[in-house]
Amino acid sequence: MLFRSREILSPSEIQNILNFSLNSGVGWLDTAQSYGDTETQLGKFGKEFKIATKFEFKNKNYTQINALVEKSLMQLKVDKLELLFIHDWDKLTKSEKQNCELFCSSLITNKMVLDIGVSTYEFNDLHRLLQNGFFIQVCSNALDQRLIEVSDGLTKYLNERIWIRSIFLQGLLLTQHTKSKLLNHECTVRFFNYANLLEISPFKLALNYFLHNFSNGFKLILGVHSINELELNLATENIKFFIDWESLKCNHIDVIDPRLWI
């Protein structure tokens, strides 16, 4: 599992969370230049982990991209980035994506970056990207099951190169005590009703979507803000009884794609 937090934490809180993560077998940390000062903080406290970072490539030439890589290297206090994700892959035009792949190849050749990945909401290019050696960050959760629909053809590329994010759909699946208008959508109502029927928490149902449907070849990205949250995530057990995941699938793109939320 990978852990990410966007809240402002004290140095002692960061150190405690990282120590607990390390002792629990967490090996990767996921961050980005746009996540405040997290790179700088991980440069101080995250030496025992592999770190994946990301930034946007849109409207940037190689010199600008190179400067951003240098910035991450300095803030993380490393000689080489273990993994760099392209944060805005879906915004790039076809020609921009081609140039981006060339830029990334140069970063690897120049030994500034070990591996490259893309962060995406789309599924039509996954096979090609994986075949070309890219890592993938993609959304999947109990409502958004598009990854399951295409996963059969991806097994030969796995090797922990597909990282699943948004397992709680930006927090929508965690609680009904929120002001989001999407709570009244039929898909969301069905999810919470199903959790009540099973007599389990929405949190446990959402997390078990990953535990039930994805093999060890996948990684899961989770954001935590405290030791208690981290411990709760790690302690969640795989539910043994049958869950009808198909009945929870939502085909309304305006619900499952947070970019479209208003």
Protein backbone atom coordinates (compact mmCIF):
# COMPACT_ATOMS: atom_id res chain seq x y z
CA MET A 1 0.00 0.00 0.00
CA LEU A 2 0.98 3.62 -0.48
CA PHE A 3 0.06 6.46 1.80
CA ARG A 4 -0.53 10.12 1.08
CA SER A 5 -1.75 13.01 3.20
CA ARG A 6 -2.64 16.55 2.14
CA GLU A 7 -3.33 17.91 5.61
CA ILE A 8 -0.74 20.01 7.40
CA LEU A 9 0.89 17.81 10.02
CA SER A 10 3.53 18.61 12.60
CA PRO A 11 7.02 17.11 12.14
CA SER A 12 6.41 14.74 15.06
CA GLU A 13 3.10 13.56 13.54
CA ILE A 14 4.81 12.94 10.21
CA GLN A 15 7.62 11.02 11.89
CA ASN A 16 5.18 8.89 13.88
CA ILE A 17 3.07 8.03 10.85
CA LEU A 18 6.14 7.12 8.80
CA ASN A 19 7.60 4.99 11.59
CA PHE A 20 4.33 3.12 11.96
CA SER A 21 4.11 2.70 8.17
CA LEU A 22 7.63 1.34 7.96
CA ASN A 23 7.05 -1.13 10.80
CA SER A 24 3.81 -2.24 9.09
CA GLY A 25 5.50 -3.08 5.80
CA VAL A 26 4.59 0.01 3.78
CA GLY A 27 7.30 0.53 1.20
CA TRP A 28 6.14 3.45 -0.99
CA LEU A 29 5.05 7.02 -0.39
CA ASP A 30 3.09 8.96 -3.00
CA THR A 31 3.33 12.74 -3.24
CA ALA A 32 3.42 15.63 -5.73
CA GLN A 33 4.94 19.06 -6.10
CA SER A 34 1.43 20.51 -5.84
CA TYR A 35 0.87 18.94 -2.38
CA GLY A 36 2.26 21.85 -0.40
CA ASP A 37 5.62 21.14 1.23
CA THR A 38 5.26 17.34 1.33
CA GLU A 39 8.34 16.74 -0.82
CA THR A 40 10.42 18.81 1.58
CA GLN A 41 8.99 16.99 4.60
CA LEU A 42 9.59 13.58 3.02
CA GLY A 43 13.13 14.70 2.24
CA LYS A 44 13.60 15.05 6.00
CA PHE A 45 11.72 12.01 7.26
CA GLY A 46 11.12 9.59 4.39
CA LYS A 47 14.58 8.22 3.75
CA GLU A 48 13.56 4.60 4.39
CA PHE A 49 10.89 4.61 1.68
CA LYS A 50 10.66 4.61 -2.07
CA ILE A 51 8.94 7.81 -3.13
CA ALA A 52 6.76 8.49 -6.16
CA THR A 53 6.12 12.12 -7.06
CA LYS A 54 4.30 13.89 -9.88
CA PHE A 55 3.85 17.22 -11.60
CA GLU A 56 2.06 18.64 -14.63
CA PHE A 57 3.67 18.53 -18.07
CA LYS A 58 1.16 20.67 -20.02
CA ASN A 59 2.74 23.57 -21.97
CA LYS A 60 6.24 22.73 -20.74
CA ASN A 61 9.37 22.13 -22.80
CA TYR A 62 12.20 19.80 -21.88
CA THR A 63 14.17 22.55 -20.09
CA GLN A 64 11.20 23.35 -17.88
CA ILE A 65 10.51 19.68 -17.15
CA ASN A 66 14.18 19.14 -16.34
CA ALA A 67 14.02 22.06 -13.89
CA LEU A 68 10.97 20.53 -12.16
CA VAL A 69 12.79 17.21 -11.80
CA GLU A 70 15.77 19.03 -10.32
CA LYS A 71 13.42 20.75 -7.86
CA SER A 72 11.98 17.41 -6.71
CA LEU A 73 15.46 15.92 -6.39
CA MET A 74 16.53 18.82 -4.20
CA GLN A 75 13.40 18.78 -2.02
CA LEU A 76 13.41 15.02 -1.58
CA LYS A 77 17.19 15.03 -1.07
CA VAL A 78 17.80 12.15 -3.51
CA ASP A 79 20.07 11.66 -6.50
CA LYS A 80 17.40 10.02 -8.63
CA LEU A 81 13.59 9.90 -8.59
CA GLU A 82 12.35 6.35 -8.05
CA LEU A 83 9.14 7.06 -9.94
CA LEU A 84 7.77 10.17 -11.65
CA PHE A 85 4.09 10.36 -12.61
CA ILE A 86 2.76 12.68 -15.30
CA HIS A 87 -0.01 14.39 -13.34
CA ASP A 88 -2.08 15.79 -16.21
CA TRP A 89 -1.85 13.04 -18.84
CA ASP A 90 -5.52 13.38 -19.84
CA LYS A 91 -5.09 17.09 -20.63
CA LEU A 92 -2.29 16.50 -23.15
CA THR A 93 -2.92 16.39 -26.89
CA LYS A 94 -1.69 13.43 -28.93
CA SER A 95 1.43 15.30 -30.05
CA GLU A 96 2.07 16.55 -26.50
CA LYS A 97 1.87 12.98 -25.22
CA GLN A 98 4.39 11.88 -27.84
CA ASN A 99 6.78 14.68 -26.85
CA CYS A 100 6.18 13.90 -23.20
CA GLU A 101 7.18 10.27 -23.71
CA LEU A 102 10.37 11.41 -25.46
CA PHE A 103 11.16 13.81 -22.60
CA CYS A 104 10.63 11.03 -20.07
CA SER A 105 12.85 8.67 -22.00
CA SER A 106 15.60 11.29 -21.84
CA LEU A 107 15.13 11.66 -18.07
CA ILE A 108 15.63 7.92 -17.68
CA THR A 109 18.64 7.90 -20.01
CA ASN A 110 20.19 10.75 -18.04
CA LYS A 111 19.61 8.74 -14.83
CA MET A 112 17.49 11.47 -13.24
CA VAL A 113 14.44 9.19 -13.04
CA LEU A 114 14.25 5.42 -12.66
CA ASP A 115 10.65 4.86 -13.86
CA ILE A 116 7.83 6.90 -15.41
CA GLY A 117 4.09 6.66 -14.88
CA VAL A 118 0.89 8.46 -15.82
CA SER A 119 -2.01 9.54 -13.62
CA THR A 120 -5.21 9.13 -15.62
CA TYR A 121 -8.99 8.91 -15.46
CA GLU A 122 -9.15 7.25 -18.88
CA PHE A 123 -8.91 3.56 -19.74
CA ASN A 124 -8.51 3.46 -23.52
CA ASP A 125 -4.71 3.77 -23.51
CA LEU A 126 -3.79 1.53 -20.57
CA HIS A 127 -2.61 -1.44 -22.64
CA ARG A 128 -0.20 0.62 -24.74
CA LEU A 129 1.19 2.51 -21.77
CA LEU A 130 1.79 -0.67 -19.76
CA GLN A 131 3.29 -2.40 -22.77
CA ASN A 132 5.72 0.53 -23.08
CA GLY A 133 6.81 0.16 -19.46
CA PHE A 134 4.79 2.92 -17.82
CA PHE A 135 3.31 2.75 -14.34
CA ILE A 136 -0.36 3.72 -14.07
CA GLN A 137 -2.37 5.57 -11.43
CA VAL A 138 -6.08 5.11 -12.11
CA CYS A 139 -9.35 5.43 -10.19
CA SER A 140 -11.38 2.41 -9.18
CA ASN A 141 -13.96 1.89 -6.45
CA ALA A 142 -17.24 0.14 -5.72
CA LEU A 143 -19.12 2.60 -7.94
CA ASP A 144 -16.48 3.04 -10.64
CA GLN A 145 -15.69 -0.50 -11.80
CA ARG A 146 -14.31 0.30 -15.24
CA LEU A 147 -10.88 -1.08 -14.31
CA ILE A 148 -12.42 -4.49 -13.61
CA GLU A 149 -13.97 -4.46 -17.06
CA VAL A 150 -10.56 -4.10 -18.74
CA SER A 151 -8.35 -5.87 -16.18
CA ASP A 152 -8.39 -9.32 -17.84
CA GLY A 153 -6.10 -8.08 -20.57
CA LEU A 154 -3.77 -6.30 -18.16
CA THR A 155 -2.62 -9.22 -16.01
CA LYS A 156 0.54 -9.86 -18.05
CA TYR A 157 1.66 -6.26 -17.37
CA LEU A 158 0.97 -6.09 -13.65
CA ASN A 159 4.09 -6.52 -11.52
CA GLU A 160 2.61 -3.84 -9.21
CA ARG A 161 2.63 -1.25 -11.99
CA ILE A 162 -1.09 -0.41 -11.67
CA TRP A 163 -1.79 1.77 -8.66
CA ILE A 164 -5.43 2.23 -7.69
CA ARG A 165 -6.53 5.53 -6.20
CA SER A 166 -9.87 7.08 -5.14
CA ILE A 167 -11.04 3.85 -3.47
CA PHE A 168 -13.40 6.02 -1.37
CA LEU A 169 -14.34 8.24 -4.35
CA GLN A 170 -12.87 11.43 -2.91
CA GLY A 171 -14.46 10.61 0.47
CA LEU A 172 -18.00 10.33 -0.91
CA LEU A 173 -18.24 6.66 0.12
CA LEU A 174 -17.06 7.20 3.68
CA THR A 175 -19.98 8.97 5.31
CA GLN A 176 -23.49 10.17 4.69
CA HIS A 177 -22.84 13.21 6.87
CA THR A 178 -21.65 15.49 4.11
CA LYS A 179 -23.20 18.31 2.11
CA SER A 180 -22.47 16.72 -1.27
CA LYS A 181 -25.53 16.64 -3.53
CA LEU A 182 -24.27 13.31 -4.86
CA LEU A 183 -25.34 11.64 -1.61
CA ASN A 184 -28.89 11.67 -2.97
CA HIS A 185 -27.91 10.04 -6.24
CA GLU A 186 -29.31 6.55 -6.73
CA CYS A 187 -25.81 5.02 -7.01
CA THR A 188 -24.62 6.51 -3.73
CA VAL A 189 -27.86 5.68 -1.92
CA ARG A 190 -27.60 2.09 -3.14
CA PHE A 191 -24.04 1.81 -1.81
CA PHE A 192 -24.93 3.00 1.70
CA ASN A 193 -28.09 0.87 1.78
CA TYR A 194 -26.03 -2.18 0.83
CA ALA A 195 -23.54 -1.50 3.63
CA ASN A 196 -26.44 -1.24 6.09
CA LEU A 197 -27.90 -4.50 4.75
CA LEU A 198 -24.57 -6.27 5.35
CA GLU A 199 -24.24 -4.58 8.75
CA ILE A 200 -20.77 -3.28 7.97
CA SER A 201 -19.41 0.26 7.73
CA PRO A 202 -19.26 2.06 4.37
CA PHE A 203 -15.50 2.30 4.97
CA LYS A 204 -15.16 -1.48 5.23
CA LEU A 205 -17.34 -2.11 2.18
CA ALA A 206 -15.38 0.41 0.09
CA LEU A 207 -12.00 -1.01 1.08
CA ASN A 208 -13.12 -4.59 0.50
CA TYR A 209 -13.87 -3.70 -3.11
CA PHE A 210 -10.09 -3.63 -3.58
CA LEU A 211 -9.41 -6.66 -1.40
CA HIS A 212 -11.98 -8.78 -3.27
CA ASN A 213 -11.32 -7.73 -6.84
CA PHE A 214 -7.61 -7.13 -7.28
CA SER A 215 -4.65 -9.46 -6.96
CA ASN A 216 -1.26 -8.82 -5.41
CA GLY A 217 -0.15 -7.36 -8.72
CA PHE A 218 -1.97 -4.11 -7.92
CA LYS A 219 -1.09 -1.38 -5.44
CA LEU A 220 -3.56 0.72 -3.49
CA ILE A 221 -3.04 4.41 -2.69
CA LEU A 222 -4.56 5.56 0.59
CA GLY A 223 -4.43 8.98 2.19
CA VAL A 224 -4.02 9.09 5.95
CA HIS A 225 -3.86 11.97 8.42
CA SER A 226 -3.12 10.18 11.67
CA ILE A 227 -1.80 6.99 13.24
CA ASN A 228 -5.38 5.97 14.00
CA GLU A 229 -6.42 6.25 10.34
CA LEU A 230 -3.35 4.34 9.25
CA GLU A 231 -3.96 1.57 11.78
CA LEU A 232 -7.63 1.32 10.75
CA ASN A 233 -6.71 0.96 7.07
CA LEU A 234 -4.11 -1.70 7.73
CA ALA A 235 -6.34 -3.65 10.12
CA THR A 236 -9.34 -3.92 7.77
CA GLU A 237 -9.99 -7.59 7.05
CA ASN A 238 -11.15 -9.23 3.86
CA ILE A 239 -14.86 -9.98 4.25
CA LYS A 240 -15.40 -13.69 3.69
CA PHE A 241 -19.04 -13.68 2.63
CA PHE A 242 -20.38 -12.97 -0.87
CA ILE A 243 -20.74 -9.36 -1.99
CA ASP A 244 -22.66 -8.55 -5.16
CA TRP A 245 -20.27 -5.95 -6.52
CA GLU A 246 -22.03 -5.88 -9.89
CA SER A 247 -25.14 -4.46 -8.20
CA LEU A 248 -23.13 -1.49 -6.90
CA LYS A 249 -21.65 -0.50 -10.27
CA CYS A 250 -22.56 3.02 -11.35
CA ASN A 251 -22.67 3.96 -15.04
CA HIS A 252 -23.23 7.68 -14.46
CA ILE A 253 -19.97 9.34 -15.47
CA ASP A 254 -20.95 12.56 -13.68
CA VAL A 255 -20.87 10.60 -10.41
CA ILE A 256 -17.78 8.43 -10.83
CA ASP A 257 -15.53 11.09 -12.38
CA PRO A 258 -14.75 13.77 -9.75
CA ARG A 259 -13.54 16.12 -12.49
CA LEU A 260 -17.18 16.57 -13.45
CA TRP A 261 -18.44 17.39 -9.95
CA ILE A 262 -19.81 20.88 -9.59
